[in-house]
N, C-alpha and C. Protein backbone atom coordinates (compact mmCIF):
# COMPACT_ATOMS: atom_id res chain seq x y z
N MET A 1 91.07 73.89 97.35
CA MET A 1 91.04 74.82 96.15
C MET A 1 92.26 74.51 94.98
N LEU A 2 91.47 75.14 94.21
CA LEU A 2 92.79 74.48 93.31
C LEU A 2 94.07 74.80 92.56
N LYS A 3 95.19 74.45 92.87
CA LYS A 3 96.41 75.24 92.42
C LYS A 3 96.63 75.21 91.02
N LEU A 4 96.92 76.30 90.36
CA LEU A 4 97.29 76.46 89.10
C LEU A 4 99.06 76.06 88.53
N THR A 5 98.82 75.09 87.70
CA THR A 5 100.48 75.61 87.72
C THR A 5 101.11 76.78 86.91
N GLU A 6 102.54 76.43 87.06
CA GLU A 6 103.01 77.83 86.51
C GLU A 6 102.45 78.26 85.05
N LYS A 7 102.74 77.06 83.86
CA LYS A 7 102.06 77.56 82.98
C LYS A 7 100.84 77.69 82.88
N GLU A 8 99.97 77.70 83.75
CA GLU A 8 98.54 77.87 83.68
C GLU A 8 98.42 79.56 83.82
N LEU A 9 99.09 79.65 85.11
CA LEU A 9 99.47 81.15 85.77
C LEU A 9 99.82 82.16 84.48
N TRP A 10 101.04 81.89 83.82
CA TRP A 10 101.28 82.67 82.80
C TRP A 10 100.48 82.84 81.75
N MET A 11 99.76 81.71 81.34
CA MET A 11 98.82 81.67 80.09
C MET A 11 97.83 82.87 80.68
N GLN A 12 97.00 82.79 82.02
CA GLN A 12 96.14 83.53 82.52
C GLN A 12 96.51 85.12 82.62
N ARG A 13 97.96 85.31 82.81
CA ARG A 13 98.18 86.37 82.99
C ARG A 13 98.19 87.54 81.34
N GLN A 14 99.03 86.23 80.31
CA GLN A 14 99.04 86.70 79.17
C GLN A 14 97.36 87.41 78.71
N GLN A 15 96.05 86.80 79.07
CA GLN A 15 95.10 86.40 78.58
C GLN A 15 94.31 88.04 79.15
N ASP A 16 94.71 88.20 80.39
CA ASP A 16 94.64 89.37 81.27
C ASP A 16 95.14 90.54 80.97
N ILE A 17 95.96 90.37 80.14
CA ILE A 17 97.51 91.65 79.53
C ILE A 17 96.63 91.88 78.02
N GLU A 18 96.03 90.99 77.15
CA GLU A 18 95.20 90.96 76.28
C GLU A 18 93.88 92.09 76.76
N THR A 19 92.87 91.36 77.47
CA THR A 19 91.72 91.88 78.06
C THR A 19 92.06 93.67 78.47
N ILE A 20 93.24 93.92 79.09
CA ILE A 20 93.31 94.82 79.50
C ILE A 20 93.74 95.96 78.24
N LYS A 21 94.60 95.20 77.76
CA LYS A 21 95.05 96.30 76.49
C LYS A 21 93.48 96.67 75.55
N ARG A 22 92.36 95.67 75.07
CA ARG A 22 91.28 95.54 74.29
C ARG A 22 89.96 96.63 75.23
N SER A 23 89.81 96.83 76.38
CA SER A 23 89.10 97.12 77.40
C SER A 23 88.60 98.91 77.27
N GLY A 24 89.88 99.65 76.49
CA GLY A 24 89.29 100.85 76.93
C GLY A 24 89.50 101.88 78.16
N ALA A 25 90.15 100.72 78.83
CA ALA A 25 90.49 101.97 79.95
C ALA A 25 91.41 103.17 79.64
N THR A 26 91.04 104.20 80.70
CA THR A 26 91.64 105.45 80.31
C THR A 26 92.66 105.90 81.36
N LEU A 27 92.38 105.23 82.58
CA LEU A 27 93.57 105.43 83.60
C LEU A 27 93.86 104.45 84.52
N VAL A 28 95.36 104.57 84.95
CA VAL A 28 95.98 103.48 85.45
C VAL A 28 96.24 104.01 86.76
N PHE A 29 95.85 103.16 88.10
CA PHE A 29 96.00 103.43 89.57
C PHE A 29 96.64 102.68 90.49
N THR A 30 97.63 102.92 91.18
CA THR A 30 97.91 102.01 92.09
C THR A 30 97.26 102.33 93.72
N LEU A 31 96.84 102.13 94.26
CA LEU A 31 96.18 102.08 95.59
C LEU A 31 97.01 101.37 96.72
N ASN A 32 97.74 102.48 97.13
CA ASN A 32 98.68 102.08 98.06
C ASN A 32 98.11 101.68 99.70
N THR A 33 98.47 101.10 100.10
CA THR A 33 97.94 101.12 101.60
C THR A 33 99.41 101.45 102.91
N ARG A 34 100.25 101.04 102.25
CA ARG A 34 101.80 101.31 103.08
C ARG A 34 101.58 99.89 104.25
N ARG A 35 100.77 99.07 104.20
CA ARG A 35 100.72 98.54 104.92
C ARG A 35 100.19 96.93 105.22
N PHE A 36 100.49 96.19 106.01
CA PHE A 36 99.93 94.64 105.01
C PHE A 36 98.45 94.37 105.72
N LEU A 37 97.86 94.35 105.09
CA LEU A 37 96.21 94.17 105.25
C LEU A 37 95.74 92.60 104.18
N ASN A 38 95.08 91.94 104.71
CA ASN A 38 94.60 90.56 103.85
C ASN A 38 93.59 90.55 103.29
N ASN A 39 93.69 89.50 102.45
CA ASN A 39 92.65 89.59 101.07
C ASN A 39 91.80 90.34 101.08
N PRO A 40 90.33 90.01 102.18
CA PRO A 40 89.27 90.26 102.20
C PRO A 40 88.84 91.71 102.59
N ILE A 41 89.96 92.13 103.35
CA ILE A 41 89.76 93.24 103.96
C ILE A 41 90.39 94.44 102.55
N LEU A 42 91.71 94.23 102.13
CA LEU A 42 92.18 95.06 100.79
C LEU A 42 91.10 95.00 99.96
N SER A 43 90.25 93.84 99.47
CA SER A 43 88.86 94.14 98.26
C SER A 43 88.16 94.65 98.71
N ASP A 44 87.92 94.69 100.57
CA ASP A 44 86.62 95.69 100.97
C ASP A 44 87.18 97.22 101.02
N LEU A 45 88.57 97.62 100.79
CA LEU A 45 88.77 98.59 101.24
C LEU A 45 88.92 99.22 99.90
N VAL A 46 89.24 98.59 98.51
CA VAL A 46 89.22 98.79 97.15
C VAL A 46 88.16 98.88 96.41
N LEU A 47 87.01 98.13 97.25
CA LEU A 47 85.80 98.19 96.70
C LEU A 47 85.03 99.57 97.30
N GLU A 48 85.13 99.65 98.40
CA GLU A 48 84.45 101.18 99.06
C GLU A 48 85.21 102.09 98.59
N PHE A 49 86.15 102.54 98.23
CA PHE A 49 87.00 103.80 97.43
C PHE A 49 86.14 103.68 96.54
N GLU A 50 86.28 102.53 95.63
CA GLU A 50 85.09 102.73 94.23
C GLU A 50 83.25 103.10 94.27
N ARG A 51 82.72 102.76 95.55
CA ARG A 51 81.84 103.10 95.46
C ARG A 51 81.66 104.67 96.06
N ARG A 52 82.11 104.71 96.56
CA ARG A 52 82.64 106.22 96.99
C ARG A 52 82.96 107.39 96.06
N LEU A 53 83.95 106.72 95.31
CA LEU A 53 84.07 107.57 94.01
C LEU A 53 83.04 107.57 93.11
N ASN A 54 81.97 106.62 92.62
CA ASN A 54 81.22 106.22 91.65
C ASN A 54 79.74 107.52 92.73
N LYS A 55 79.66 107.27 93.77
CA LYS A 55 78.83 108.31 94.70
C LYS A 55 79.30 110.00 94.45
N LYS A 56 80.41 110.49 94.58
CA LYS A 56 80.59 111.85 94.45
C LYS A 56 80.51 112.34 92.96
N LEU A 57 81.13 111.19 92.15
CA LEU A 57 80.99 111.22 90.82
C LEU A 57 79.53 111.95 89.65
N PHE A 58 78.67 110.92 90.41
CA PHE A 58 77.44 110.28 89.52
C PHE A 58 76.17 110.40 90.36
N GLY A 59 76.45 111.23 92.23
CA GLY A 59 75.64 111.34 92.80
C GLY A 59 74.97 110.25 93.52
N LYS A 60 73.95 110.60 94.38
CA LYS A 60 73.71 109.38 95.46
C LYS A 60 72.78 108.38 94.84
N ALA A 61 71.99 108.82 93.50
CA ALA A 61 71.38 107.20 92.55
C ALA A 61 72.27 106.81 91.72
N TRP A 62 73.72 106.87 91.62
CA TRP A 62 74.37 106.37 90.81
C TRP A 62 73.82 104.80 90.43
N ARG A 63 73.71 103.69 91.73
CA ARG A 63 73.59 102.69 91.29
C ARG A 63 71.82 102.93 90.67
N ILE A 64 70.87 103.71 90.86
CA ILE A 64 69.93 103.20 90.10
C ILE A 64 69.71 103.64 88.85
N LYS A 65 70.49 104.53 88.49
CA LYS A 65 70.81 105.27 87.16
C LYS A 65 72.10 104.20 86.62
N ASN A 66 72.47 103.37 87.12
CA ASN A 66 73.76 102.55 86.49
C ASN A 66 74.54 102.76 85.67
N LYS A 67 75.05 104.20 86.40
CA LYS A 67 76.19 104.95 85.95
C LYS A 67 77.45 104.68 86.83
N LYS A 68 78.45 104.23 86.70
CA LYS A 68 80.04 103.81 87.37
C LYS A 68 80.83 103.60 86.35
N LEU A 69 81.87 103.94 87.02
CA LEU A 69 83.53 103.43 86.26
C LEU A 69 83.50 102.63 86.31
N GLY A 70 84.60 101.98 85.06
CA GLY A 70 84.91 100.21 85.33
C GLY A 70 85.62 100.08 85.34
N TRP A 71 85.86 99.58 86.43
CA TRP A 71 87.21 98.86 87.04
C TRP A 71 87.59 97.65 86.51
N TRP A 72 89.21 97.63 86.98
CA TRP A 72 89.85 95.48 87.06
C TRP A 72 90.88 96.10 87.75
N HIS A 73 90.74 95.06 89.05
CA HIS A 73 92.31 95.76 90.07
C HIS A 73 92.73 94.13 89.77
N ARG A 74 94.15 94.40 90.67
CA ARG A 74 94.87 92.88 90.96
C ARG A 74 95.25 93.48 91.98
N LEU A 75 95.17 92.64 92.46
CA LEU A 75 95.55 92.85 94.48
C LEU A 75 96.86 92.16 94.40
N GLU A 76 98.01 93.13 95.32
CA GLU A 76 99.37 92.72 95.30
C GLU A 76 99.89 92.96 97.39
N PHE A 77 100.16 91.71 97.70
CA PHE A 77 100.61 91.53 99.25
C PHE A 77 101.99 91.27 99.86
N GLN A 78 103.08 91.82 98.48
CA GLN A 78 104.01 91.70 98.88
C GLN A 78 104.78 93.13 100.21
N SER A 79 106.17 92.90 100.43
CA SER A 79 106.39 93.89 101.25
C SER A 79 105.76 94.56 102.16
N ASN A 80 104.89 94.03 102.83
CA ASN A 80 104.42 94.69 103.57
C ASN A 80 103.51 95.67 103.30
N ASN A 81 103.20 96.13 101.99
CA ASN A 81 102.37 96.71 101.50
C ASN A 81 101.32 96.62 100.48
N SER A 82 100.31 96.06 101.21
CA SER A 82 99.10 95.83 100.13
C SER A 82 98.91 96.84 99.40
N HIS A 83 98.61 96.47 97.94
CA HIS A 83 97.95 97.48 97.27
C HIS A 83 97.14 96.90 96.03
N SER A 84 97.04 97.54 95.32
CA SER A 84 96.10 97.48 94.43
C SER A 84 96.57 98.32 92.81
N HIS A 85 96.79 97.28 91.81
CA HIS A 85 97.33 97.53 90.34
C HIS A 85 95.73 98.08 89.81
N SER A 86 95.48 99.03 89.29
CA SER A 86 94.12 98.68 88.61
C SER A 86 93.96 99.85 87.57
N VAL A 87 92.70 99.63 86.69
CA VAL A 87 92.95 100.38 85.58
C VAL A 87 90.87 100.79 85.67
N CYS A 88 91.15 102.18 85.04
CA CYS A 88 89.83 102.21 85.13
C CYS A 88 88.88 103.02 83.60
N THR A 89 87.55 103.06 83.69
CA THR A 89 87.76 103.23 82.17
C THR A 89 86.51 104.55 82.91
N VAL A 90 86.93 105.82 82.19
CA VAL A 90 86.30 106.85 82.36
C VAL A 90 84.72 106.80 81.57
N ASN A 91 83.84 107.06 81.88
CA ASN A 91 82.73 107.42 80.95
C ASN A 91 81.99 108.32 81.34
N TYR A 92 80.60 108.37 80.82
CA TYR A 92 78.97 109.27 81.29
C TYR A 92 79.79 110.98 81.36
N GLY A 93 80.48 111.33 80.31
CA GLY A 93 80.70 112.75 80.05
C GLY A 93 81.57 113.09 82.00
N ILE A 94 81.86 111.95 82.63
CA ILE A 94 83.09 112.58 83.56
C ILE A 94 84.59 112.42 82.82
N THR A 95 84.93 113.58 83.28
CA THR A 95 86.66 113.69 82.61
C THR A 95 87.37 113.05 83.56
N GLU A 96 88.78 112.90 83.17
CA GLU A 96 89.89 111.89 83.66
C GLU A 96 90.31 112.93 84.95
N THR A 97 90.22 114.41 84.76
CA THR A 97 90.76 115.29 85.38
C THR A 97 89.65 115.37 87.16
N GLU A 98 88.42 115.40 86.69
CA GLU A 98 87.84 114.85 87.80
C GLU A 98 87.71 114.03 88.75
N VAL A 99 88.22 112.70 88.04
CA VAL A 99 88.51 111.39 88.71
C VAL A 99 89.15 111.33 89.51
N LYS A 100 90.66 112.36 88.89
CA LYS A 100 91.61 112.42 89.56
C LYS A 100 91.47 113.16 90.87
N SER A 101 90.74 114.08 90.44
CA SER A 101 90.55 115.15 91.50
C SER A 101 90.32 114.66 92.97
N VAL A 102 88.81 114.13 92.53
CA VAL A 102 88.09 113.65 93.32
C VAL A 102 88.61 112.23 94.25
N ALA A 103 89.37 111.40 93.62
CA ALA A 103 89.69 110.16 93.88
C ALA A 103 91.06 110.26 94.85
N ARG A 104 91.46 111.15 94.79
CA ARG A 104 92.65 112.12 95.74
C ARG A 104 91.92 112.15 97.18
N HIS A 105 90.67 112.60 97.15
CA HIS A 105 90.09 113.15 98.74
C HIS A 105 89.42 111.62 99.18
N ILE A 106 89.24 110.69 98.54
CA ILE A 106 89.01 109.35 98.82
C ILE A 106 89.70 108.91 99.73
N TRP A 107 90.71 108.53 98.63
CA TRP A 107 91.50 107.07 98.64
C TRP A 107 92.32 107.26 100.48
N VAL A 108 92.99 108.45 100.65
CA VAL A 108 94.25 108.30 101.93
C VAL A 108 92.75 108.98 103.18
N PRO A 109 91.93 109.42 102.96
CA PRO A 109 91.23 109.61 104.14
C PRO A 109 90.47 108.53 104.85
N LEU A 110 89.73 107.62 103.51
CA LEU A 110 89.17 106.15 103.74
C LEU A 110 90.19 105.38 104.69
N ASN A 111 91.83 105.59 103.93
CA ASN A 111 92.41 104.51 105.45
C ASN A 111 92.55 105.56 106.71
N LYS A 112 92.84 106.89 106.81
CA LYS A 112 93.13 107.30 108.19
C LYS A 112 92.23 106.63 109.06
N LYS A 113 90.50 106.85 108.44
CA LYS A 113 89.69 106.01 109.56
C LYS A 113 89.77 104.54 110.18
N MET A 114 91.00 103.67 109.03
CA MET A 114 91.58 102.53 109.43
C MET A 114 92.38 102.70 110.28
N GLY A 115 92.88 103.63 110.55
CA GLY A 115 94.37 104.24 111.59
C GLY A 115 95.66 104.23 110.62
N ASN A 116 95.54 103.81 109.24
CA ASN A 116 96.18 104.06 108.28
C ASN A 116 96.71 105.46 107.78
N GLU A 117 97.65 106.07 108.49
CA GLU A 117 98.48 107.08 107.59
C GLU A 117 99.19 107.37 106.70
N ASN A 118 99.63 106.31 106.32
CA ASN A 118 100.34 106.64 105.08
C ASN A 118 100.45 106.06 103.73
N ALA A 119 98.88 105.91 103.36
CA ALA A 119 98.49 105.49 102.44
C ALA A 119 98.55 106.13 101.28
N GLN A 120 98.93 105.82 100.25
CA GLN A 120 99.38 107.08 98.97
C GLN A 120 98.10 106.24 97.76
N LEU A 121 98.17 107.37 97.08
CA LEU A 121 97.47 107.00 95.67
C LEU A 121 98.33 107.55 94.38
N TRP A 122 98.15 106.69 93.37
CA TRP A 122 99.21 107.13 92.15
C TRP A 122 97.94 106.74 91.28
N ILE A 123 98.15 107.85 90.08
CA ILE A 123 97.06 108.09 89.21
C ILE A 123 97.98 108.37 87.43
N ASN A 124 97.55 108.07 86.62
CA ASN A 124 98.10 108.14 85.26
C ASN A 124 97.59 107.65 84.15
N ALA A 125 97.30 108.50 83.25
CA ALA A 125 96.51 108.36 81.88
C ALA A 125 97.02 107.09 81.17
N ILE A 126 96.37 106.52 80.83
CA ILE A 126 96.82 105.15 79.68
C ILE A 126 96.62 105.70 78.12
N THR A 127 97.63 105.50 77.14
CA THR A 127 97.64 106.01 76.20
C THR A 127 98.32 105.07 74.92
N LYS A 128 97.95 105.14 73.99
CA LYS A 128 98.66 103.92 73.11
C LYS A 128 99.76 103.85 72.82
N LEU A 129 100.87 104.36 73.75
CA LEU A 129 102.14 104.30 73.70
C LEU A 129 102.48 103.38 75.20
N ASN A 130 101.59 103.90 75.70
CA ASN A 130 102.07 102.77 77.28
C ASN A 130 100.80 102.14 77.32
N ALA A 131 99.81 101.77 76.94
CA ALA A 131 98.87 101.06 76.99
C ALA A 131 99.23 99.12 77.41
N GLU A 132 100.34 98.57 76.41
CA GLU A 132 101.40 97.27 76.81
C GLU A 132 102.03 97.57 78.29
N ALA A 133 102.51 98.65 78.31
CA ALA A 133 103.21 98.63 79.98
C ALA A 133 102.39 98.71 80.51
N VAL A 134 100.99 99.12 80.54
CA VAL A 134 100.39 99.54 81.80
C VAL A 134 99.83 97.92 82.12
N ALA A 135 99.15 97.33 80.97
CA ALA A 135 98.75 96.20 81.57
C ALA A 135 99.52 95.41 82.01
N VAL A 136 100.85 95.11 81.52
CA VAL A 136 101.87 94.52 82.10
C VAL A 136 101.89 94.51 83.16
N TYR A 137 102.23 96.08 84.00
CA TYR A 137 102.50 96.53 85.45
C TYR A 137 100.84 96.26 86.38
N VAL A 138 99.91 96.24 85.98
CA VAL A 138 98.51 95.64 86.30
C VAL A 138 98.50 94.27 86.61
N THR A 139 99.11 93.52 85.69
CA THR A 139 98.49 92.02 86.11
C THR A 139 99.50 91.04 86.77
N LYS A 140 100.81 92.28 87.60
CA LYS A 140 101.87 91.60 88.41
C LYS A 140 101.23 91.03 89.76
N GLY A 141 99.91 91.62 90.05
CA GLY A 141 99.75 91.18 91.21
C GLY A 141 98.60 89.80 91.30
N GLU A 142 98.65 89.21 92.77
CA GLU A 142 98.33 88.02 92.93
C GLU A 142 96.76 87.26 92.56
N VAL A 143 95.63 88.45 93.21
CA VAL A 143 94.21 88.44 93.29
C VAL A 143 93.99 89.41 92.41
N THR A 144 92.97 88.76 91.56
CA THR A 144 91.85 89.75 90.48
C THR A 144 90.66 89.69 91.07
N LEU A 145 90.40 91.43 91.24
CA LEU A 145 89.07 91.48 91.15
C LEU A 145 88.49 92.59 90.73
N LEU A 146 87.38 91.72 90.34
CA LEU A 146 86.87 92.84 89.25
C LEU A 146 85.47 93.36 89.95
N SER A 147 85.47 94.81 89.21
CA SER A 147 84.09 95.46 90.20
C SER A 147 82.91 94.86 90.23
N SER A 148 82.32 94.77 91.38
CA SER A 148 80.68 94.34 91.47
C SER A 148 80.00 95.88 92.64
N ALA A 149 80.76 97.35 92.38
CA ALA A 149 79.79 98.14 92.75
C ALA A 149 78.81 98.33 92.28
């Protein structure tokens, strides 16, 4: 595996910050597990959350209709709290309120199925005033995960 230098990592993060600021993302999420999970397990959990959210918002045929929320995730594994800092683009006539309401009923129960009773979900709107701070916050993790749901 190719190891990036500190300067290369810094440059990549700056590019990611600019990408997020220009993306038109409307919501920022922190998907906390409150326990340590390795990368493949956390990645699968985050993508399953996405799939269930899309299905609930757009119906069973969301893949066929090619309707889904746009996501960009950065996974973090520090402090025995594997979690994702994520941004989401709300589209197709779905409201931010709908996304927030449905998401809250998916993340915690999904974790409980894995025996994790302490999972938490944080969601906030992205505005012109906080877009830069959100982009900096979201890019602080170690592993980028683009939506493939």
